[in-house]
Amino acid sequence: MTADPLVLLPEIDRATARLLETTRRLDDAAVTGGSLLPGWTRGHLLTHLARNADACVNLLTGARTGADTPAYPSDEHRTADIEAGARRPVAEQASDLAAAAERFDAAVAQLPPAAWTATVRWRGGHTRLAAYIPWARLSEVELHHVDLDAGYRPADWPDAFVHRLLHDLVADLAESMAPVRLHATDLEHELTIGTDPAVTVSGSGHGIAAWLSGRADGADLTVTPEGPLPTVPIWK
C-alpha cells in the first residue's frame, strides 16, 4: 500500500498501543465474552492478534534469510494455537500481545532494505512482496480492534488508515462486486469498483470502509439513484 513500508511503522505502533489500552481495560470475564466474529470470544481474537504478529515475524525472517518460511506451519497449527490461548486471563493476553508486537518490531529492524522486495508466502499459499507485511499487520490490528466489541469503532480509525483501506477494498472487490462509485464525503475522495458504475454510494470514508469490510450494515450511507445498497461479498 506504500512505496516505503517503513512509513507505516509509527501507525502500527500507535494502533497497537490503542489495542493494548482497550485490552487492559477488560476484565477476565469480558475476555471470555463474545466478539463480533461468529464463534470467537475476545480471547480468541486477542490470541489471534498475538499469533498474527508472530506470523509476520516468520515472513520477515524468510525475507531476510531467503528460506521459504510460511506465516503459519499449517492451518491446523494456527487454529490450535488460537484455541489454546483463548481462555487465558486478560493480564496474560495483554502481556503476550505486547511481547509479540516487540518481536515484530525487532524483525522489521533486522530486515535489510533490499529484502523488502523478497517474495513471501502467506496463509493459503498466496505470495506477496515483503513490503506488504506492514500494511497487513496494521489492517489486522485496526480491523480486529473493532471486532473485539469493546468500545473501539470504525469511526475511531485514523483517516490515513481509512484512505488506504478503501483502496485495498476496491482492489480486492473489483472482480466480485457489481460496479459502484464510492464518494467519501469527509475525505473528499472518490473511488470506483468496476467500470461504468450506475450507482453511487456516499457517506463518510469510515462508514464506507466499515460497510465494505463487513463491520457495518451501511445504514448511514446514501445510494444514488435511490435504492438498496449493493451486495458486498464477504471480505477477509
C-alpha atoms as a PDB file:
ATOM      1  CA  MET A   1       0.000   0.000   0.000  1.00  0.00           C
ATOM      2  CA  THR A   2       3.028   2.289   0.084  1.00  0.00           C
ATOM      3  CA  ALA A   3       6.305   2.551  -1.783  1.00  0.00           C
ATOM      4  CA  ASP A   4       8.102   2.723   1.553  1.00  0.00           C
ATOM      5  CA  PRO A   5       6.768   0.155   4.035  1.00  0.00           C
ATOM      6  CA  LEU A   6       8.667   1.821   6.888  1.00  0.00           C
ATOM      7  CA  VAL A   7       6.285   4.787   6.656  1.00  0.00           C
ATOM      8  CA  LEU A   8       3.603   2.619   8.280  1.00  0.00           C
ATOM      9  CA  LEU A   9       5.634   1.597  11.331  1.00  0.00           C
ATOM     10  CA  PRO A  10       4.623   4.566  13.533  1.00  0.00           C
ATOM     11  CA  GLU A  11       0.981   3.889  12.619  1.00  0.00           C
ATOM     12  CA  ILE A  12       1.376   0.245  13.623  1.00  0.00           C
ATOM     13  CA  ASP A  13       2.873   1.282  16.965  1.00  0.00           C
ATOM     14  CA  ARG A  14       0.013   3.705  17.649  1.00  0.00           C
ATOM     15  CA  ALA A  15      -2.617   1.171  16.618  1.00  0.00           C
ATOM     16  CA  THR A  16      -1.031  -1.463  18.864  1.00  0.00           C
ATOM     17  CA  ALA A  17      -0.934   0.979  21.778  1.00  0.00           C
ATOM     18  CA  ARG A  18      -4.657   1.675  21.334  1.00  0.00           C
ATOM     19  CA  LEU A  19      -5.389  -2.045  21.192  1.00  0.00           C
ATOM     20  CA  LEU A  20      -3.392  -2.701  24.348  1.00  0.00           C
ATOM     21  CA  GLU A  21      -5.180   0.141  26.127  1.00  0.00           C
ATOM     22  CA  THR A  22      -8.538  -1.426  25.264  1.00  0.00           C
ATOM     23  CA  THR A  23      -7.319  -4.880  26.289  1.00  0.00           C
ATOM     24  CA  ARG A  24      -6.079  -3.724  29.673  1.00  0.00           C
ATOM     25  CA  ARG A  25      -9.484  -2.174  30.428  1.00  0.00           C
ATOM     26  CA  LEU A  26     -11.143  -5.583  30.101  1.00  0.00           C
ATOM     27  CA  ASP A  27     -11.586  -7.995  32.976  1.00  0.00           C
ATOM     28  CA  ASP A  28     -11.212 -11.764  32.812  1.00  0.00           C
ATOM     29  CA  ALA A  29     -14.951 -12.282  32.351  1.00  0.00           C
ATOM     30  CA  ALA A  30     -15.014  -9.904  29.382  1.00  0.00           C
ATOM     31  CA  VAL A  31     -12.231 -11.852  27.684  1.00  0.00           C
ATOM     32  CA  THR A  32     -14.469 -14.928  27.596  1.00  0.00           C
ATOM     33  CA  GLY A  33     -17.370 -12.901  26.148  1.00  0.00           C
ATOM     34  CA  GLY A  34     -18.314 -12.964  22.500  1.00  0.00           C
ATOM     35  CA  SER A  35     -16.641 -10.817  19.860  1.00  0.00           C
ATOM     36  CA  LEU A  36     -18.176  -9.578  16.618  1.00  0.00           C
ATOM     37  CA  LEU A  37     -16.666 -12.575  14.801  1.00  0.00           C
ATOM     38  CA  PRO A  38     -19.033 -15.578  14.922  1.00  0.00           C
ATOM     39  CA  GLY A  39     -17.706 -18.386  17.091  1.00  0.00           C
ATOM     40  CA  TRP A  40     -14.849 -16.360  18.537  1.00  0.00           C
ATOM     41  CA  THR A  41     -14.573 -14.850  22.001  1.00  0.00           C
ATOM     42  CA  ARG A  42     -12.490 -11.785  22.711  1.00  0.00           C
ATOM     43  CA  GLY A  43      -9.849 -14.199  23.952  1.00  0.00           C
ATOM     44  CA  HIS A  44      -9.761 -15.890  20.554  1.00  0.00           C
ATOM     45  CA  LEU A  45      -9.286 -12.520  18.867  1.00  0.00           C
ATOM     46  CA  LEU A  46      -6.557 -11.332  21.225  1.00  0.00           C
ATOM     47  CA  THR A  47      -4.664 -14.599  20.875  1.00  0.00           C
ATOM     48  CA  HIS A  48      -5.043 -14.449  17.113  1.00  0.00           C
ATOM     49  CA  LEU A  49      -3.613 -10.923  17.038  1.00  0.00           C
ATOM     50  CA  ALA A  50      -0.580 -12.021  19.031  1.00  0.00           C
ATOM     51  CA  ARG A  51      -0.010 -15.057  16.819  1.00  0.00           C
ATOM     52  CA  ASN A  52      -0.537 -12.941  13.705  1.00  0.00           C
ATOM     53  CA  ALA A  53       2.356 -10.741  14.824  1.00  0.00           C
ATOM     54  CA  ASP A  54       4.461 -13.881  15.116  1.00  0.00           C
ATOM     55  CA  ALA A  55       3.278 -14.977  11.666  1.00  0.00           C
ATOM     56  CA  CYS A  56       4.521 -11.655  10.305  1.00  0.00           C
ATOM     57  CA  VAL A  57       7.838 -12.284  12.063  1.00  0.00           C
ATOM     58  CA  ASN A  58       8.052 -15.633  10.247  1.00  0.00           C
ATOM     59  CA  LEU A  59       7.514 -13.898   6.906  1.00  0.00           C
ATOM     60  CA  LEU A  60      10.052 -11.196   7.706  1.00  0.00           C
ATOM     61  CA  THR A  61      12.556 -13.875   8.732  1.00  0.00           C
ATOM     62  CA  GLY A  62      12.005 -15.653   5.442  1.00  0.00           C
ATOM     63  CA  ALA A  63      12.531 -12.416   3.527  1.00  0.00           C
ATOM     64  CA  ARG A  64      15.768 -11.768   5.440  1.00  0.00           C
ATOM     65  CA  THR A  65      17.240 -15.267   5.186  1.00  0.00           C
ATOM     66  CA  GLY A  66      15.885 -16.378   1.828  1.00  0.00           C
ATOM     67  CA  ALA A  67      14.375 -19.511   3.407  1.00  0.00           C
ATOM     68  CA  ASP A  68      10.819 -20.492   2.475  1.00  0.00           C
ATOM     69  CA  THR A  69       9.169 -19.624   5.797  1.00  0.00           C
ATOM     70  CA  PRO A  70       5.349 -19.573   5.720  1.00  0.00           C
ATOM     71  CA  ALA A  71       3.304 -17.392   8.035  1.00  0.00           C
ATOM     72  CA  TYR A  72       1.936 -20.449   9.865  1.00  0.00           C
ATOM     73  CA  PRO A  73       3.187 -24.053   9.806  1.00  0.00           C
ATOM     74  CA  SER A  74      -0.356 -25.095   8.837  1.00  0.00           C
ATOM     75  CA  ASP A  75      -3.971 -24.012   9.254  1.00  0.00           C
ATOM     76  CA  GLU A  76      -4.368 -26.725  11.868  1.00  0.00           C
ATOM     77  CA  HIS A  77      -1.428 -25.355  13.857  1.00  0.00           C
ATOM     78  CA  ARG A  78      -2.860 -21.825  13.629  1.00  0.00           C
ATOM     79  CA  THR A  79      -6.268 -22.969  14.899  1.00  0.00           C
ATOM     80  CA  ALA A  80      -4.746 -25.000  17.727  1.00  0.00           C
ATOM     81  CA  ASP A  81      -2.653 -22.043  18.922  1.00  0.00           C
ATOM     82  CA  ILE A  82      -5.682 -19.742  18.975  1.00  0.00           C
ATOM     83  CA  GLU A  83      -7.807 -22.268  20.861  1.00  0.00           C
ATOM     84  CA  ALA A  84      -5.012 -22.931  23.352  1.00  0.00           C
ATOM     85  CA  GLY A  85      -4.634 -19.255  24.217  1.00  0.00           C
ATOM     86  CA  ALA A  86      -8.237 -18.077  24.091  1.00  0.00           C
ATOM     87  CA  ARG A  87      -9.116 -18.749  27.738  1.00  0.00           C
ATOM     88  CA  ARG A  88      -6.129 -17.035  29.325  1.00  0.00           C
ATOM     89  CA  PRO A  89      -6.726 -14.177  31.795  1.00  0.00           C
ATOM     90  CA  VAL A  90      -6.574 -10.640  30.452  1.00  0.00           C
ATOM     91  CA  ALA A  91      -3.179  -9.840  32.012  1.00  0.00           C
ATOM     92  CA  GLU A  92      -1.610 -12.784  30.198  1.00  0.00           C
ATOM     93  CA  GLN A  93      -3.352 -11.834  26.952  1.00  0.00           C
ATOM     94  CA  ALA A  94      -2.042  -8.265  27.150  1.00  0.00           C
ATOM     95  CA  SER A  95       1.477  -9.396  28.031  1.00  0.00           C
ATOM     96  CA  ASP A  96       1.541 -11.862  25.136  1.00  0.00           C
ATOM     97  CA  LEU A  97       0.228  -9.264  22.699  1.00  0.00           C
ATOM     98  CA  ALA A  98       2.806  -6.685  23.798  1.00  0.00           C
ATOM     99  CA  ALA A  99       5.673  -9.192  23.571  1.00  0.00           C
ATOM    100  CA  ALA A 100       4.581 -10.328  20.112  1.00  0.00           C
ATOM    101  CA  ALA A 101       4.463  -6.689  18.959  1.00  0.00           C
ATOM    102  CA  GLU A 102       8.015  -6.209  20.199  1.00  0.00           C
ATOM    103  CA  ARG A 103       9.146  -9.285  18.265  1.00  0.00           C
ATOM    104  CA  PHE A 104       7.522  -7.820  15.152  1.00  0.00           C
ATOM    105  CA  ASP A 105       9.337  -4.505  15.652  1.00  0.00           C
ATOM    106  CA  ALA A 106      12.647  -6.320  16.124  1.00  0.00           C
ATOM    107  CA  ALA A 107      12.144  -8.391  12.965  1.00  0.00           C
ATOM    108  CA  VAL A 108      11.407  -5.243  10.964  1.00  0.00           C
ATOM    109  CA  ALA A 109      14.522  -3.556  12.332  1.00  0.00           C
ATOM    110  CA  GLN A 110      16.658  -6.541  11.247  1.00  0.00           C
ATOM    111  CA  LEU A 111      15.401  -6.542   7.649  1.00  0.00           C
ATOM    112  CA  PRO A 112      17.883  -5.112   5.122  1.00  0.00           C
ATOM    113  CA  PRO A 113      16.317  -2.583   2.709  1.00  0.00           C
ATOM    114  CA  ALA A 114      16.749  -4.897  -0.285  1.00  0.00           C
ATOM    115  CA  ALA A 115      14.814  -7.684   1.449  1.00  0.00           C
ATOM    116  CA  TRP A 116      11.530  -5.736   1.254  1.00  0.00           C
ATOM    117  CA  THR A 117      11.355  -6.841  -2.382  1.00  0.00           C
ATOM    118  CA  ALA A 118      11.561 -10.535  -1.459  1.00  0.00           C
ATOM    119  CA  THR A 119       8.549 -12.725  -2.162  1.00  0.00           C
ATOM    120  CA  VAL A 120       6.967 -14.330   0.909  1.00  0.00           C
ATOM    121  CA  ARG A 121       4.276 -16.990   1.226  1.00  0.00           C
ATOM    122  CA  TRP A 122       1.114 -16.101   3.084  1.00  0.00           C
ATOM    123  CA  ARG A 123      -1.555 -18.350   4.502  1.00  0.00           C
ATOM    124  CA  GLY A 124      -3.255 -20.273   1.721  1.00  0.00           C
ATOM    125  CA  GLY A 125      -0.130 -20.267  -0.431  1.00  0.00           C
ATOM    126  CA  HIS A 126      -0.602 -16.729  -1.719  1.00  0.00           C
ATOM    127  CA  THR A 127       2.598 -14.827  -2.399  1.00  0.00           C
ATOM    128  CA  ARG A 128       3.314 -11.118  -1.993  1.00  0.00           C
ATOM    129  CA  LEU A 129       6.313  -8.885  -1.624  1.00  0.00           C
ATOM    130  CA  ALA A 130       7.601  -8.485   1.915  1.00  0.00           C
ATOM    131  CA  ALA A 131       6.807  -4.768   1.588  1.00  0.00           C
ATOM    132  CA  TYR A 132       3.129  -5.683   2.058  1.00  0.00           C
ATOM    133  CA  ILE A 133       3.711  -7.036   5.577  1.00  0.00           C
ATOM    134  CA  PRO A 134       3.459  -3.724   7.492  1.00  0.00           C
ATOM    135  CA  TRP A 135       0.143  -2.872   5.834  1.00  0.00           C
ATOM    136  CA  ALA A 136      -1.147  -6.377   6.518  1.00  0.00           C
ATOM    137  CA  ARG A 137      -0.247  -6.052  10.194  1.00  0.00           C
ATOM    138  CA  LEU A 138      -1.759  -2.577  10.520  1.00  0.00           C
ATOM    139  CA  SER A 139      -5.046  -3.607   8.940  1.00  0.00           C
ATOM    140  CA  GLU A 140      -5.188  -6.740  11.096  1.00  0.00           C
ATOM    141  CA  VAL A 141      -4.805  -4.686  14.279  1.00  0.00           C
ATOM    142  CA  GLU A 142      -7.266  -1.951  13.283  1.00  0.00           C
ATOM    143  CA  LEU A 143      -9.993  -4.240  11.910  1.00  0.00           C
ATOM    144  CA  HIS A 144      -9.858  -6.745  14.751  1.00  0.00           C
ATOM    145  CA  HIS A 145      -9.767  -3.976  17.346  1.00  0.00           C
ATOM    146  CA  VAL A 146     -13.280  -3.153  16.119  1.00  0.00           C
ATOM    147  CA  ASP A 147     -14.199  -6.860  16.107  1.00  0.00           C
ATOM    148  CA  LEU A 148     -13.254  -7.005  19.783  1.00  0.00           C
ATOM    149  CA  ASP A 149     -16.551  -5.190  20.510  1.00  0.00           C
ATOM    150  CA  ALA A 150     -15.023  -3.322  23.432  1.00  0.00           C
ATOM    151  CA  GLY A 151     -15.688   0.303  22.557  1.00  0.00           C
ATOM    152  CA  TYR A 152     -13.432   0.858  19.530  1.00  0.00           C
ATOM    153  CA  ARG A 153     -15.492   1.639  16.422  1.00  0.00           C
ATOM    154  CA  PRO A 154     -14.803   2.237  12.710  1.00  0.00           C
ATOM    155  CA  ALA A 155     -15.294   5.958  13.415  1.00  0.00           C
ATOM    156  CA  ASP A 156     -12.154   5.714  15.586  1.00  0.00           C
ATOM    157  CA  TRP A 157      -9.965   4.585  12.689  1.00  0.00           C
ATOM    158  CA  PRO A 158      -7.426   7.268  11.680  1.00  0.00           C
ATOM    159  CA  ASP A 159      -8.205   8.987   8.376  1.00  0.00           C
ATOM    160  CA  ALA A 160      -4.934   7.804   6.811  1.00  0.00           C
ATOM    161  CA  PHE A 161      -5.811   4.190   7.617  1.00  0.00           C
ATOM    162  CA  VAL A 162      -9.311   4.582   6.138  1.00  0.00           C
ATOM    163  CA  HIS A 163      -7.869   6.061   2.958  1.00  0.00           C
ATOM    164  CA  ARG A 164      -5.531   3.089   2.468  1.00  0.00           C
ATOM    165  CA  LEU A 165      -8.208   0.578   3.479  1.00  0.00           C
ATOM    166  CA  LEU A 166     -10.633   1.943   0.894  1.00  0.00           C
ATOM    167  CA  HIS A 167      -8.061   1.445  -1.856  1.00  0.00           C
ATOM    168  CA  ASP A 168      -7.358  -2.081  -0.603  1.00  0.00           C
ATOM    169  CA  LEU A 169     -11.064  -2.913  -0.559  1.00  0.00           C
ATOM    170  CA  VAL A 170     -11.633  -1.513  -4.033  1.00  0.00           C
ATOM    171  CA  ALA A 171      -8.795  -3.641  -5.420  1.00  0.00           C
ATOM    172  CA  ASP A 172      -9.916  -6.808  -3.620  1.00  0.00           C
ATOM    173  CA  LEU A 173     -13.615  -6.468  -4.536  1.00  0.00           C
ATOM    174  CA  ALA A 174     -13.110  -5.406  -8.156  1.00  0.00           C
ATOM    175  CA  GLU A 175     -13.897  -8.830  -9.609  1.00  0.00           C
ATOM    176  CA  SER A 176     -16.578  -9.986  -7.168  1.00  0.00           C
ATOM    177  CA  MET A 177     -18.852  -6.968  -6.688  1.00  0.00           C
ATOM    178  CA  ALA A 178     -21.174  -5.082  -9.024  1.00  0.00           C
ATOM    179  CA  PRO A 179     -19.744  -1.758 -10.234  1.00  0.00           C
ATOM    180  CA  VAL A 180     -20.268   1.102  -7.792  1.00  0.00           C
ATOM    181  CA  ARG A 181     -18.882   4.584  -7.327  1.00  0.00           C
ATOM    182  CA  LEU A 182     -17.809   5.412  -3.762  1.00  0.00           C
ATOM    183  CA  HIS A 183     -17.885   9.020  -2.596  1.00  0.00           C
ATOM    184  CA  ALA A 184     -16.162   9.528   0.751  1.00  0.00           C
ATOM    185  CA  THR A 185     -17.560  12.925   1.684  1.00  0.00           C
ATOM    186  CA  ASP A 186     -15.361  13.599   4.699  1.00  0.00           C
ATOM    187  CA  LEU A 187     -12.158  12.649   2.898  1.00  0.00           C
ATOM    188  CA  GLU A 188     -13.165  14.426  -0.329  1.00  0.00           C
ATOM    189  CA  HIS A 189     -12.169  11.262  -2.132  1.00  0.00           C
ATOM    190  CA  GLU A 190     -13.881   9.186  -4.803  1.00  0.00           C
ATOM    191  CA  LEU A 191     -13.122   5.634  -5.915  1.00  0.00           C
ATOM    192  CA  THR A 192     -14.771   3.168  -8.264  1.00  0.00           C
ATOM    193  CA  ILE A 193     -15.293  -0.558  -8.042  1.00  0.00           C
ATOM    194  CA  GLY A 194     -15.611  -1.985 -11.536  1.00  0.00           C
ATOM    195  CA  THR A 195     -16.256   0.043 -14.690  1.00  0.00           C
ATOM    196  CA  ASP A 196     -19.101   2.348 -15.686  1.00  0.00           C
ATOM    197  CA  PRO A 197     -20.995   2.163 -12.389  1.00  0.00           C
ATOM    198  CA  ALA A 198     -24.631   3.290 -12.458  1.00  0.00           C
ATOM    199  CA  VAL A 199     -24.840   3.568  -8.658  1.00  0.00           C
ATOM    200  CA  THR A 200     -23.035   5.893  -6.265  1.00  0.00           C
ATOM    201  CA  VAL A 201     -22.709   5.210  -2.534  1.00  0.00           C
ATOM    202  CA  SER A 202     -21.927   8.302  -0.482  1.00  0.00           C
ATOM    203  CA  GLY A 203     -21.036   8.817   3.141  1.00  0.00           C
ATOM    204  CA  SER A 204     -18.069   9.138   5.435  1.00  0.00           C
ATOM    205  CA  GLY A 205     -14.968   7.237   4.378  1.00  0.00           C
ATOM    206  CA  HIS A 206     -15.109   5.464   7.726  1.00  0.00           C
ATOM    207  CA  GLY A 207     -18.695   4.384   7.065  1.00  0.00           C
ATOM    208  CA  ILE A 208     -17.960   3.176   3.542  1.00  0.00           C
ATOM    209  CA  ALA A 209     -14.879   1.248   4.698  1.00  0.00           C
ATOM    210  CA  ALA A 210     -16.840  -0.309   7.565  1.00  0.00           C
ATOM    211  CA  TRP A 211     -19.621  -1.366   5.186  1.00  0.00           C
ATOM    212  CA  LEU A 212     -17.324  -2.836   2.538  1.00  0.00           C
ATOM    213  CA  SER A 213     -15.238  -4.688   5.147  1.00  0.00           C
ATOM    214  CA  GLY A 214     -18.311  -6.200   6.834  1.00  0.00           C
ATOM    215  CA  ARG A 215     -18.002  -4.110  10.006  1.00  0.00           C
ATOM    216  CA  ALA A 216     -21.261  -2.151   9.494  1.00  0.00           C
ATOM    217  CA  ASP A 217     -24.563  -2.532   7.648  1.00  0.00           C
ATOM    218  CA  GLY A 218     -24.223   0.751   5.780  1.00  0.00           C
ATOM    219  CA  ALA A 219     -27.372   2.274   7.277  1.00  0.00           C
ATOM    220  CA  ASP A 220     -25.623   5.655   7.432  1.00  0.00           C
ATOM    221  CA  LEU A 221     -24.802   5.662   3.716  1.00  0.00           C
ATOM    222  CA  THR A 222     -26.737   7.193   0.810  1.00  0.00           C
ATOM    223  CA  VAL A 223     -27.424   5.460  -2.503  1.00  0.00           C
ATOM    224  CA  THR A 224     -27.879   7.429  -5.737  1.00  0.00           C
ATOM    225  CA  PRO A 225     -30.160   6.823  -7.579  1.00  0.00           C
ATOM    226  CA  GLU A 226     -32.272   5.879  -4.574  1.00  0.00           C
ATOM    227  CA  GLY A 227     -32.388   2.168  -3.890  1.00  0.00           C
ATOM    228  CA  PRO A 228     -30.807  -0.599  -1.813  1.00  0.00           C
ATOM    229  CA  LEU A 229     -27.123  -0.774  -1.140  1.00  0.00           C
ATOM    230  CA  PRO A 230     -25.220  -3.074  -3.486  1.00  0.00           C
ATOM    231  CA  THR A 231     -24.475  -6.541  -2.148  1.00  0.00           C
ATOM    232  CA  VAL A 232     -20.979  -6.797  -0.697  1.00  0.00           C
ATOM    233  CA  PRO A 233     -19.176 -10.165  -0.903  1.00  0.00           C
ATOM    234  CA  ILE A 234     -17.619 -11.493   2.284  1.00  0.00           C
ATOM    235  CA  TRP A 235     -14.229  -9.858   2.647  1.00  0.00           C
ATOM    236  CA  LYS A 236     -11.308 -11.080   4.743  1.00  0.00           C
END
